[in-house]
Protein backbone atom coordinates (compact mmCIF):
# COMPACT_ATOMS: atom_id res chain seq x y z
CA MET A 1 0.00 0.00 0.00
CA THR A 2 2.44 2.63 1.18
CA THR A 3 5.90 3.00 2.60
CA THR A 4 6.85 5.63 5.13
CA VAL A 5 10.39 6.93 4.91
CA LYS A 6 11.50 9.84 7.09
CA GLY A 7 7.86 10.66 7.83
CA ILE A 8 6.78 10.67 4.16
CA THR A 9 4.15 8.13 3.11
CA MET A 10 4.78 6.84 -0.41
CA PRO A 11 2.63 4.61 -2.66
CA THR A 12 4.55 1.35 -3.16
CA PHE A 13 3.60 -1.46 -5.54
CA LEU A 14 4.60 -4.72 -7.13
CA LEU A 15 3.26 -5.48 -10.60
CA HIS A 16 3.54 -9.03 -11.92
CA ILE A 17 3.27 -9.84 -15.61
CA THR A 18 3.87 -12.80 -17.88
CA VAL A 19 4.70 -12.25 -21.54
CA LYS A 20 4.08 -14.58 -24.43
CA PRO A 21 7.30 -16.46 -25.25
CA GLU A 22 7.35 -15.15 -28.81
CA HIS A 23 7.30 -11.57 -27.47
CA ARG A 24 10.04 -11.93 -24.84
CA ARG A 25 12.69 -9.92 -26.73
CA VAL A 26 10.27 -7.06 -27.41
CA ALA A 27 9.11 -7.21 -23.79
CA VAL A 28 12.64 -6.91 -22.42
CA GLU A 29 13.35 -3.92 -24.66
CA THR A 30 10.03 -2.24 -23.84
CA LEU A 31 10.28 -2.81 -20.09
CA ALA A 32 13.84 -1.45 -20.05
CA GLU A 33 12.64 1.68 -21.85
CA ILE A 34 9.65 2.09 -19.51
CA GLN A 35 12.04 1.80 -16.58
CA ARG A 36 14.45 4.36 -18.03
CA LEU A 37 11.67 6.89 -18.70
CA SER A 38 9.87 6.30 -15.41
CA LEU A 39 13.02 6.97 -13.39
CA LEU A 40 13.03 10.44 -14.97
CA ASP A 41 9.47 11.19 -13.80
CA ASP A 42 9.01 13.67 -10.98
CA GLY A 43 8.42 11.89 -7.72
CA CYS A 44 9.81 8.51 -8.77
CA VAL A 45 11.75 7.00 -5.86
CA ASP A 46 12.18 3.44 -7.17
CA PHE A 47 11.19 1.81 -10.44
CA VAL A 48 12.82 -1.45 -11.47
CA TRP A 49 11.67 -4.35 -13.61
CA LEU A 50 12.90 -7.75 -12.41
CA SER A 51 13.08 -10.90 -14.52
CA HIS A 52 12.21 -14.19 -12.80
CA GLU A 53 15.11 -16.63 -13.02
CA GLU A 54 12.87 -19.72 -12.95
CA ASP A 55 10.70 -18.42 -15.82
CA GLY A 56 12.17 -15.86 -18.23
CA ASN A 57 8.70 -14.86 -19.40
CA LYS A 58 7.68 -13.58 -15.95
CA PHE A 59 8.57 -10.08 -14.75
CA THR A 60 7.89 -8.12 -11.58
CA LEU A 61 8.00 -4.37 -11.23
CA PHE A 62 8.90 -2.73 -7.92
CA GLU A 63 7.83 0.91 -7.85
CA ARG A 64 7.67 3.58 -5.17
CA TRP A 65 6.49 7.18 -5.54
CA GLU A 66 6.79 10.29 -3.37
CA SER A 67 3.01 10.83 -3.48
CA GLN A 68 -0.22 9.57 -4.99
CA GLN A 69 -0.24 12.62 -7.28
CA HIS A 70 3.18 11.70 -8.67
CA LEU A 71 1.95 8.16 -9.28
CA ASP A 72 -1.24 9.42 -10.94
CA ASP A 73 0.78 11.71 -13.23
CA HIS A 74 3.04 8.80 -14.18
CA LEU A 75 0.11 6.49 -14.90
CA ALA A 76 -1.52 9.09 -17.16
CA LYS A 77 1.67 9.24 -19.23
CA ILE A 78 2.31 5.49 -19.34
CA ILE A 79 -1.19 4.27 -20.34
CA PRO A 80 -0.54 4.60 -24.11
CA VAL A 81 2.68 2.58 -23.76
CA TRP A 82 0.80 -0.17 -21.92
CA GLU A 83 -1.94 -0.22 -24.54
CA ASP A 84 0.71 -0.82 -27.23
CA PHE A 85 2.43 -3.43 -25.04
CA ALA A 86 -0.75 -5.37 -24.10
CA PRO A 87 -0.60 -7.84 -27.04
CA CYS A 88 2.70 -9.12 -25.60
CA LEU A 89 1.04 -10.12 -22.33
CA GLU A 90 -0.08 -13.59 -21.37
CA GLY A 91 -3.04 -12.73 -19.15
CA ASP A 92 -3.73 -9.65 -17.07
CA PRO A 93 -1.10 -7.87 -14.95
CA VAL A 94 -1.47 -8.41 -11.21
CA SER A 95 -0.84 -5.36 -9.02
CA GLN A 96 -0.06 -5.61 -5.31
CA ARG A 97 0.22 -2.77 -2.83
CA VAL A 98 3.00 -3.51 -0.37
CA ARG A 99 4.55 -1.95 2.70
CA ALA A 100 7.83 -2.28 4.54
CA VAL A 101 7.85 -4.83 7.35
CA THR A 102 9.22 -2.13 9.63
CA GLU A 103 5.80 -0.46 9.38
CA LEU A 104 3.93 -3.50 10.69
CA GLY A 105 2.74 -3.81 14.24
């Protein structure tokens, strides 16, 4: 859901996707470019795509933003990229809000 660092609450997410095997090369190139551009967005704290070692067609995004407004601005910009990328996906992306364990209990 959120992460609090130095008193600032930040939206924090994992996004899991699986790409069709025939689109893996395009997916790797596209995800790398999305990562590069997203790291330039105002309010981006962390944004990294991870490839699963046990299945090269599965990827997980870890992203953290300074505020919900920064995240909303990013999403508005990235929607057209995702619409172009959607045919590469095997199923729907799965988004999870997460928080640091240091914020529990």
